[in-house]
Structures are given as C-alpha cells and as structure tokens.
Amino acid sequence: MASKNRVCVRIAGNEYTLCGNESSEHIQRVALFVDKKMSEIMQANHTLSTSMASVLTAVNAVDELLKNSEAKEVLEKELEITQKSLKEAKQEIEQLSQQLQKLNEENRHLVLELTRREAELTEVRKSLDRAVGDSTHKQPRIHNIK
C-alpha cells in the first residue's frame, strides 16, 4: 500500500494540511488551483465570506469538471468513429491493393500476349512479302498493247 503524502498548503490565507496518495507536487497544484479560483471569486465580490467563496469555488470546479467530462465523452466517441473509419479505410486499401496486384498480373499477361501476337504478325507480314515478292518474279508482266 502506498504511503500518503502530507502537504501543508495555503488557501485563501489559511493553512491546511492535505493528505493524499498523489505526489506532493500534484497536491500543491490542486491547492494552488483552489486558491486561485477562490481569490478570483472573492475579488469579484468582496462581500462573500470565505465559506461562501469556498462553496462557489467548489460549484465552479465541479461545473468545469462535468463540462470536461462531457467533452471527453464526445472526443472518445469521435475517436471511436475515427478509428472505425480508419479500420474500414485500411480494409479498403487492402482490397484495392489486391485488385491492383491482380490487374498488374493480368496486364503482364496481356502485354506478353500482345508481344507474342505482334511477333506472329511480323512473321505473317514477312511471309506475305516473300510470297508477293516471289510471285512478281515468277510471273511475267503483261502489258496491254493498243
């Protein structure tokens, strides 16, 4: 079990000994926050007693705490939605990556097929040129005489 820290602090001109499991620095920051808020409230209304200022300080602190808590909940929901969107985006990226890989493979096969067919076409053209070239040498040309 952690030992409790005992810290002497000054709030609204009065000294208090605060005990807690948190660090001494943390307890000092809490006391400084309360002292500052009480000073602001008492400066705004000089007729308040210390106990009334204490109650208003507590009310303001709890109000701020609740607002921060609500804001935290909103941010956590936004984070959850964002994480879900990110997960969906990653899944979509994975699917698109797989599609791209398949399309690249298909493209590679089509390029090979095109290259093969172009080679065949070149051979057919060469054969045609040879056949046409051979037939022009074998057959005499006939000229019409008028």
N, C-alpha and C. Protein backbone atom coordinates (compact mmCIF):
# COMPACT_ATOMS: atom_id res chain seq x y z
N MET A 1 0.85 -1.18 0.00
CA MET A 1 0.00 0.00 0.00
C MET A 1 0.89 1.23 0.00
N ALA A 2 0.56 2.18 -0.85
CA ALA A 2 1.37 3.39 -0.98
C ALA A 2 1.14 4.29 0.24
N SER A 3 2.21 4.95 0.66
CA SER A 3 2.09 5.84 1.82
C SER A 3 1.46 7.15 1.37
N LYS A 4 0.71 7.74 2.29
CA LYS A 4 0.04 9.00 1.98
C LYS A 4 1.01 10.15 2.16
N ASN A 5 0.91 11.09 1.27
CA ASN A 5 1.72 12.31 1.36
C ASN A 5 0.96 13.35 2.16
N ARG A 6 1.66 13.99 3.06
CA ARG A 6 1.09 15.09 3.85
C ARG A 6 1.76 16.37 3.39
N VAL A 7 0.93 17.33 2.95
CA VAL A 7 1.46 18.56 2.40
C VAL A 7 0.76 19.74 3.05
N CYS A 8 1.54 20.71 3.53
CA CYS A 8 0.98 21.95 4.09
C CYS A 8 0.80 22.94 2.95
N VAL A 9 -0.42 23.48 2.82
CA VAL A 9 -0.73 24.43 1.74
C VAL A 9 -1.45 25.63 2.32
N ARG A 10 -1.47 26.70 1.55
CA ARG A 10 -2.19 27.91 1.94
C ARG A 10 -3.28 28.16 0.89
N ILE A 11 -4.53 28.24 1.38
CA ILE A 11 -5.67 28.52 0.51
C ILE A 11 -6.46 29.65 1.16
N ALA A 12 -6.65 30.70 0.42
CA ALA A 12 -7.39 31.88 0.87
C ALA A 12 -6.85 32.40 2.21
N GLY A 13 -5.54 32.39 2.34
CA GLY A 13 -4.92 32.93 3.55
C GLY A 13 -4.89 31.99 4.73
N ASN A 14 -5.44 30.82 4.61
CA ASN A 14 -5.46 29.86 5.71
C ASN A 14 -4.57 28.67 5.36
N GLU A 15 -3.91 28.14 6.36
CA GLU A 15 -3.06 26.97 6.14
C GLU A 15 -3.84 25.69 6.41
N TYR A 16 -3.60 24.71 5.51
CA TYR A 16 -4.26 23.40 5.63
C TYR A 16 -3.20 22.34 5.41
N THR A 17 -3.38 21.22 6.06
CA THR A 17 -2.54 20.05 5.80
C THR A 17 -3.39 19.07 5.01
N LEU A 18 -2.96 18.82 3.77
CA LEU A 18 -3.70 17.91 2.88
C LEU A 18 -2.96 16.58 2.82
N CYS A 19 -3.73 15.50 2.84
CA CYS A 19 -3.17 14.15 2.74
C CYS A 19 -3.71 13.49 1.49
N GLY A 20 -2.85 12.74 0.82
CA GLY A 20 -3.32 12.04 -0.37
C GLY A 20 -2.28 11.07 -0.88
N ASN A 21 -2.70 10.16 -1.75
CA ASN A 21 -1.81 9.18 -2.35
C ASN A 21 -1.01 9.77 -3.51
N GLU A 22 -1.46 10.91 -4.01
CA GLU A 22 -0.78 11.54 -5.13
C GLU A 22 0.52 12.16 -4.66
N SER A 23 1.33 12.57 -5.63
CA SER A 23 2.62 13.19 -5.30
C SER A 23 2.40 14.54 -4.60
N SER A 24 3.41 14.96 -3.90
CA SER A 24 3.35 16.26 -3.22
C SER A 24 3.13 17.38 -4.24
N GLU A 25 3.78 17.25 -5.39
CA GLU A 25 3.64 18.27 -6.44
C GLU A 25 2.19 18.36 -6.92
N HIS A 26 1.56 17.21 -7.07
CA HIS A 26 0.17 17.19 -7.53
C HIS A 26 -0.74 17.85 -6.48
N ILE A 27 -0.54 17.52 -5.24
CA ILE A 27 -1.36 18.11 -4.16
C ILE A 27 -1.15 19.62 -4.13
N GLN A 28 0.08 20.07 -4.32
CA GLN A 28 0.37 21.51 -4.36
C GLN A 28 -0.35 22.18 -5.53
N ARG A 29 -0.36 21.54 -6.70
CA ARG A 29 -1.05 22.10 -7.87
C ARG A 29 -2.55 22.22 -7.61
N VAL A 30 -3.14 21.21 -6.96
CA VAL A 30 -4.58 21.25 -6.63
C VAL A 30 -4.85 22.42 -5.70
N ALA A 31 -4.05 22.55 -4.67
CA ALA A 31 -4.24 23.63 -3.70
C ALA A 31 -4.08 24.99 -4.37
N LEU A 32 -3.10 25.11 -5.25
CA LEU A 32 -2.87 26.37 -5.98
C LEU A 32 -4.07 26.71 -6.86
N PHE A 33 -4.63 25.70 -7.50
CA PHE A 33 -5.82 25.90 -8.34
C PHE A 33 -6.98 26.42 -7.50
N VAL A 34 -7.23 25.76 -6.36
CA VAL A 34 -8.34 26.16 -5.48
C VAL A 34 -8.10 27.57 -4.96
N ASP A 35 -6.89 27.88 -4.52
CA ASP A 35 -6.57 29.21 -4.01
C ASP A 35 -6.80 30.27 -5.09
N LYS A 36 -6.37 30.00 -6.28
CA LYS A 36 -6.53 30.96 -7.39
C LYS A 36 -8.02 31.20 -7.67
N LYS A 37 -8.79 30.13 -7.75
CA LYS A 37 -10.23 30.26 -8.03
C LYS A 37 -10.94 31.01 -6.90
N MET A 38 -10.59 30.70 -5.67
CA MET A 38 -11.21 31.42 -4.53
C MET A 38 -10.85 32.89 -4.57
N SER A 39 -9.60 33.20 -4.88
CA SER A 39 -9.17 34.61 -4.96
C SER A 39 -9.96 35.34 -6.04
N GLU A 40 -10.15 34.70 -7.20
CA GLU A 40 -10.93 35.33 -8.28
C GLU A 40 -12.36 35.61 -7.84
N ILE A 41 -12.98 34.65 -7.18
CA ILE A 41 -14.37 34.81 -6.73
C ILE A 41 -14.46 35.90 -5.67
N MET A 42 -13.53 35.90 -4.72
CA MET A 42 -13.57 36.89 -3.64
C MET A 42 -13.26 38.30 -4.15
N GLN A 43 -12.41 38.43 -5.16
CA GLN A 43 -12.11 39.73 -5.74
C GLN A 43 -13.31 40.26 -6.52
N ALA A 44 -14.08 39.34 -7.13
CA ALA A 44 -15.26 39.75 -7.90
C ALA A 44 -16.39 40.20 -6.98
N ASN A 45 -16.43 39.66 -5.75
CA ASN A 45 -17.48 40.04 -4.81
C ASN A 45 -16.87 40.09 -3.41
N HIS A 46 -16.56 41.29 -2.95
CA HIS A 46 -15.87 41.47 -1.67
C HIS A 46 -16.74 41.14 -0.46
N THR A 47 -18.04 41.03 -0.65
CA THR A 47 -18.92 40.79 0.49
C THR A 47 -19.05 39.31 0.86
N LEU A 48 -18.49 38.42 0.01
CA LEU A 48 -18.60 36.98 0.30
C LEU A 48 -17.70 36.58 1.46
N SER A 49 -18.22 35.69 2.28
CA SER A 49 -17.40 35.11 3.35
C SER A 49 -16.51 34.02 2.73
N THR A 50 -15.54 33.58 3.49
CA THR A 50 -14.65 32.52 3.00
C THR A 50 -15.44 31.25 2.73
N SER A 51 -16.40 30.95 3.59
CA SER A 51 -17.18 29.72 3.38
C SER A 51 -18.06 29.84 2.13
N MET A 52 -18.63 31.00 1.88
CA MET A 52 -19.45 31.19 0.67
C MET A 52 -18.57 31.12 -0.58
N ALA A 53 -17.40 31.73 -0.50
CA ALA A 53 -16.45 31.67 -1.63
C ALA A 53 -16.01 30.23 -1.86
N SER A 54 -15.85 29.47 -0.77
CA SER A 54 -15.46 28.06 -0.89
C SER A 54 -16.53 27.26 -1.63
N VAL A 55 -17.80 27.52 -1.27
CA VAL A 55 -18.90 26.81 -1.94
C VAL A 55 -18.95 27.18 -3.41
N LEU A 56 -18.81 28.46 -3.73
CA LEU A 56 -18.82 28.88 -5.14
C LEU A 56 -17.62 28.30 -5.89
N THR A 57 -16.49 28.24 -5.23
CA THR A 57 -15.31 27.64 -5.86
C THR A 57 -15.57 26.17 -6.17
N ALA A 58 -16.17 25.47 -5.20
CA ALA A 58 -16.49 24.05 -5.41
C ALA A 58 -17.49 23.89 -6.55
N VAL A 59 -18.52 24.74 -6.57
CA VAL A 59 -19.53 24.67 -7.64
C VAL A 59 -18.86 24.92 -9.00
N ASN A 60 -18.02 25.95 -9.08
CA ASN A 60 -17.33 26.24 -10.35
C ASN A 60 -16.40 25.11 -10.77
N ALA A 61 -15.68 24.54 -9.79
CA ALA A 61 -14.76 23.45 -10.10
C ALA A 61 -15.52 22.22 -10.61
N VAL A 62 -16.64 21.90 -9.95
CA VAL A 62 -17.43 20.74 -10.39
C VAL A 62 -18.06 21.02 -11.74
N ASP A 63 -18.51 22.25 -11.97
CA ASP A 63 -19.05 22.62 -13.28
C ASP A 63 -18.00 22.39 -14.38
N GLU A 64 -16.80 22.86 -14.12
CA GLU A 64 -15.70 22.68 -15.08
C GLU A 64 -15.39 21.20 -15.27
N LEU A 65 -15.40 20.46 -14.16
CA LEU A 65 -15.14 19.03 -14.22
C LEU A 65 -16.18 18.31 -15.08
N LEU A 66 -17.45 18.64 -14.86
CA LEU A 66 -18.52 17.99 -15.64
C LEU A 66 -18.44 18.36 -17.11
N LYS A 67 -18.17 19.62 -17.40
CA LYS A 67 -18.02 20.04 -18.80
C LYS A 67 -16.86 19.31 -19.47
N ASN A 68 -15.75 19.20 -18.74
CA ASN A 68 -14.59 18.48 -19.28
C ASN A 68 -14.91 17.00 -19.47
N SER A 69 -15.65 16.44 -18.54
CA SER A 69 -16.04 15.04 -18.65
C SER A 69 -16.92 14.81 -19.87
N GLU A 70 -17.89 15.71 -20.08
CA GLU A 70 -18.76 15.61 -21.26
C GLU A 70 -17.97 15.78 -22.54
N ALA A 71 -17.04 16.75 -22.54
CA ALA A 71 -16.20 16.96 -23.72
C ALA A 71 -15.35 15.72 -23.99
N LYS A 72 -14.86 15.10 -22.92
CA LYS A 72 -14.06 13.88 -23.05
C LYS A 72 -14.90 12.77 -23.69
N GLU A 73 -16.14 12.62 -23.25
CA GLU A 73 -17.02 11.60 -23.82
C GLU A 73 -17.24 11.84 -25.31
N VAL A 74 -17.47 13.11 -25.67
CA VAL A 74 -17.67 13.45 -27.08
C VAL A 74 -16.41 13.10 -27.87
N LEU A 75 -15.25 13.47 -27.34
CA LEU A 75 -13.99 13.18 -28.02
C LEU A 75 -13.74 11.67 -28.13
N GLU A 76 -14.11 10.92 -27.09
CA GLU A 76 -13.94 9.47 -27.14
C GLU A 76 -14.84 8.85 -28.21
N LYS A 77 -16.08 9.37 -28.35
CA LYS A 77 -16.97 8.88 -29.40
C LYS A 77 -16.41 9.23 -30.77
N GLU A 78 -15.89 10.46 -30.91
CA GLU A 78 -15.29 10.87 -32.18
C GLU A 78 -14.08 9.99 -32.50
N LEU A 79 -13.29 9.70 -31.47
CA LEU A 79 -12.13 8.83 -31.65
C LEU A 79 -12.57 7.45 -32.10
N GLU A 80 -13.61 6.93 -31.47
CA GLU A 80 -14.13 5.60 -31.84
C GLU A 80 -14.58 5.58 -33.29
N ILE A 81 -15.30 6.63 -33.70
CA ILE A 81 -15.78 6.73 -35.08
C ILE A 81 -14.59 6.84 -36.04
N THR A 82 -13.61 7.64 -35.65
CA THR A 82 -12.42 7.82 -36.49
C THR A 82 -11.64 6.52 -36.60
N GLN A 83 -11.51 5.80 -35.49
CA GLN A 83 -10.80 4.52 -35.53
C GLN A 83 -11.54 3.52 -36.40
N LYS A 84 -12.88 3.53 -36.33
CA LYS A 84 -13.67 2.64 -37.18
C LYS A 84 -13.47 3.00 -38.64
N SER A 85 -13.49 4.30 -38.95
CA SER A 85 -13.27 4.75 -40.32
C SER A 85 -11.88 4.37 -40.80
N LEU A 86 -10.90 4.51 -39.93
CA LEU A 86 -9.53 4.15 -40.27
C LEU A 86 -9.43 2.65 -40.57
N LYS A 87 -10.09 1.85 -39.74
CA LYS A 87 -10.07 0.40 -39.96
C LYS A 87 -10.72 0.06 -41.30
N GLU A 88 -11.85 0.70 -41.60
CA GLU A 88 -12.52 0.47 -42.88
C GLU A 88 -11.64 0.92 -44.04
N ALA A 89 -10.97 2.05 -43.88
CA ALA A 89 -10.09 2.55 -44.93
C ALA A 89 -8.93 1.59 -45.15
N LYS A 90 -8.38 1.05 -44.07
CA LYS A 90 -7.28 0.08 -44.20
C LYS A 90 -7.75 -1.17 -44.93
N GLN A 91 -8.98 -1.62 -44.61
CA GLN A 91 -9.53 -2.79 -45.29
C GLN A 91 -9.73 -2.49 -46.77
N GLU A 92 -10.23 -1.30 -47.07
CA GLU A 92 -10.43 -0.91 -48.47
C GLU A 92 -9.09 -0.83 -49.20
N ILE A 93 -8.08 -0.29 -48.53
CA ILE A 93 -6.74 -0.21 -49.13
C ILE A 93 -6.23 -1.61 -49.43
N GLU A 94 -6.45 -2.54 -48.49
CA GLU A 94 -6.00 -3.92 -48.69
C GLU A 94 -6.72 -4.55 -49.89
N GLN A 95 -8.04 -4.33 -49.98
CA GLN A 95 -8.80 -4.86 -51.11
C GLN A 95 -8.32 -4.25 -52.42
N LEU A 96 -8.12 -2.93 -52.42
CA LEU A 96 -7.66 -2.26 -53.63
C LEU A 96 -6.25 -2.71 -54.01
N SER A 97 -5.43 -2.96 -53.01
CA SER A 97 -4.08 -3.44 -53.26
C SER A 97 -4.12 -4.82 -53.91
N GLN A 98 -5.01 -5.66 -53.42
CA GLN A 98 -5.16 -6.99 -54.01
C GLN A 98 -5.68 -6.90 -55.44
N GLN A 99 -6.66 -5.99 -55.65
CA GLN A 99 -7.17 -5.78 -57.01
C GLN A 99 -6.07 -5.29 -57.93
N LEU A 100 -5.28 -4.34 -57.44
CA LEU A 100 -4.19 -3.80 -58.23
C LEU A 100 -3.19 -4.89 -58.59
N GLN A 101 -2.89 -5.73 -57.62
CA GLN A 101 -1.96 -6.83 -57.87
C GLN A 101 -2.51 -7.76 -58.95
N LYS A 102 -3.79 -8.09 -58.87
CA LYS A 102 -4.41 -8.95 -59.89
C LYS A 102 -4.40 -8.27 -61.26
N LEU A 103 -4.73 -6.97 -61.28
CA LEU A 103 -4.75 -6.24 -62.55
C LEU A 103 -3.35 -6.11 -63.13
N ASN A 104 -2.36 -5.92 -62.29
CA ASN A 104 -0.98 -5.87 -62.79
C ASN A 104 -0.57 -7.20 -63.39
N GLU A 105 -0.97 -8.28 -62.74
CA GLU A 105 -0.66 -9.61 -63.26
C GLU A 105 -1.36 -9.83 -64.60
N GLU A 106 -2.64 -9.45 -64.65
CA GLU A 106 -3.39 -9.57 -65.90
C GLU A 106 -2.76 -8.72 -66.99
N ASN A 107 -2.35 -7.52 -66.64
CA ASN A 107 -1.71 -6.62 -67.60
C ASN A 107 -0.40 -7.24 -68.11
N ARG A 108 0.36 -7.85 -67.20
CA ARG A 108 1.61 -8.50 -67.61
C ARG A 108 1.33 -9.62 -68.62
N HIS A 109 0.29 -10.41 -68.34
CA HIS A 109 -0.07 -11.49 -69.27
C HIS A 109 -0.52 -10.91 -70.61
N LEU A 110 -1.30 -9.83 -70.56
CA LEU A 110 -1.78 -9.22 -71.80
C LEU A 110 -0.63 -8.62 -72.61
N VAL A 111 0.33 -8.02 -71.94
CA VAL A 111 1.50 -7.48 -72.63
C VAL A 111 2.28 -8.61 -73.30
N LEU A 112 2.45 -9.73 -72.59
CA LEU A 112 3.13 -10.88 -73.18
C LEU A 112 2.35 -11.41 -74.39
N GLU A 113 1.04 -11.49 -74.26
CA GLU A 113 0.20 -11.96 -75.36
C GLU A 113 0.30 -11.00 -76.55
N LEU A 114 0.27 -9.70 -76.26
CA LEU A 114 0.40 -8.70 -77.33
C LEU A 114 1.76 -8.83 -78.01
N THR A 115 2.80 -9.00 -77.25
CA THR A 115 4.13 -9.16 -77.81
C THR A 115 4.20 -10.40 -78.69
N ARG A 116 3.62 -11.50 -78.21
CA ARG A 116 3.59 -12.75 -78.99
C ARG A 116 2.83 -12.56 -80.29
N ARG A 117 1.67 -11.90 -80.20
CA ARG A 117 0.85 -11.70 -81.43
C ARG A 117 1.53 -10.72 -82.40
N GLU A 118 2.20 -9.70 -81.85
CA GLU A 118 2.93 -8.79 -82.74
C GLU A 118 4.05 -9.53 -83.46
N ALA A 119 4.70 -10.45 -82.76
CA ALA A 119 5.75 -11.25 -83.39
C ALA A 119 5.15 -12.13 -84.49
N GLU A 120 3.99 -12.73 -84.20
CA GLU A 120 3.31 -13.55 -85.21
C GLU A 120 2.93 -12.71 -86.42
N LEU A 121 2.41 -11.51 -86.16
CA LEU A 121 2.00 -10.62 -87.24
C LEU A 121 3.21 -10.22 -88.09
N THR A 122 4.32 -9.97 -87.43
CA THR A 122 5.54 -9.63 -88.16
C THR A 122 5.95 -10.79 -89.06
N GLU A 123 5.88 -12.01 -88.53
CA GLU A 123 6.22 -13.20 -89.33
C GLU A 123 5.25 -13.36 -90.50
N VAL A 124 3.97 -13.13 -90.28
CA VAL A 124 2.98 -13.24 -91.35
C VAL A 124 3.26 -12.19 -92.42
N ARG A 125 3.59 -10.98 -92.01
CA ARG A 125 3.89 -9.91 -92.98
C ARG A 125 5.14 -10.27 -93.79
N LYS A 126 6.15 -10.81 -93.09
CA LYS A 126 7.36 -11.22 -93.80
C LYS A 126 7.03 -12.32 -94.80
N SER A 127 6.22 -13.29 -94.40
CA SER A 127 5.82 -14.37 -95.30
C SER A 127 5.04 -13.82 -96.47
N LEU A 128 4.16 -12.88 -96.22
CA LEU A 128 3.36 -12.26 -97.28
C LEU A 128 4.26 -11.50 -98.24
N ASP A 129 5.21 -10.74 -97.65
CA ASP A 129 6.15 -10.00 -98.51
C ASP A 129 6.96 -10.96 -99.37
N ARG A 130 7.40 -12.08 -98.79
CA ARG A 130 8.16 -13.05 -99.57
C ARG A 130 7.29 -13.66 -100.65
N ALA A 131 6.03 -13.98 -100.30
CA ALA A 131 5.13 -14.59 -101.28
C ALA A 131 4.83 -13.62 -102.40
N VAL A 132 4.57 -12.39 -102.08
CA VAL A 132 4.28 -11.37 -103.10
C VAL A 132 5.54 -11.10 -103.91
N GLY A 133 6.68 -11.04 -103.22
CA GLY A 133 7.95 -10.81 -103.92
C GLY A 133 8.29 -11.96 -104.85
N ASP A 134 8.06 -13.18 -104.46
CA ASP A 134 8.34 -14.35 -105.28
C ASP A 134 7.40 -14.41 -106.47
N SER A 135 6.16 -14.07 -106.27
CA SER A 135 5.19 -14.17 -107.36
C SER A 135 5.44 -13.09 -108.40
N THR A 136 5.97 -11.98 -108.05
CA THR A 136 6.25 -10.94 -109.04
C THR A 136 7.44 -11.35 -109.90
N HIS A 137 8.36 -12.14 -109.39
CA HIS A 137 9.50 -12.57 -110.18
C HIS A 137 9.12 -13.76 -111.05
N LYS A 138 8.21 -14.58 -110.70
CA LYS A 138 7.84 -15.78 -111.45
C LYS A 138 6.90 -15.45 -112.58
N GLN A 139 6.01 -14.53 -112.39
CA GLN A 139 5.03 -14.21 -113.42
C GLN A 139 5.51 -13.01 -114.22
N PRO A 140 5.56 -13.18 -115.55
CA PRO A 140 5.94 -12.05 -116.36
C PRO A 140 4.84 -11.00 -116.37
N ARG A 141 5.28 -9.83 -116.57
CA ARG A 141 4.29 -8.76 -116.59
C ARG A 141 3.69 -8.70 -117.99
N ILE A 142 2.41 -8.52 -118.00
CA ILE A 142 1.72 -8.41 -119.27
C ILE A 142 1.31 -6.97 -119.48
N HIS A 143 1.72 -6.49 -120.65
CA HIS A 143 1.38 -5.13 -120.98
C HIS A 143 0.35 -5.13 -122.06
N ASN A 144 -0.60 -4.33 -121.95
CA ASN A 144 -1.63 -4.20 -122.99
C ASN A 144 -1.07 -3.28 -124.09
N ILE A 145 -1.12 -3.81 -125.28
CA ILE A 145 -0.69 -3.02 -126.41
C ILE A 145 -1.91 -2.61 -127.18
N LYS A 146 -1.98 -1.40 -127.51
CA LYS A 146 -3.15 -0.91 -128.19
C LYS A 146 -2.85 -0.58 -129.60
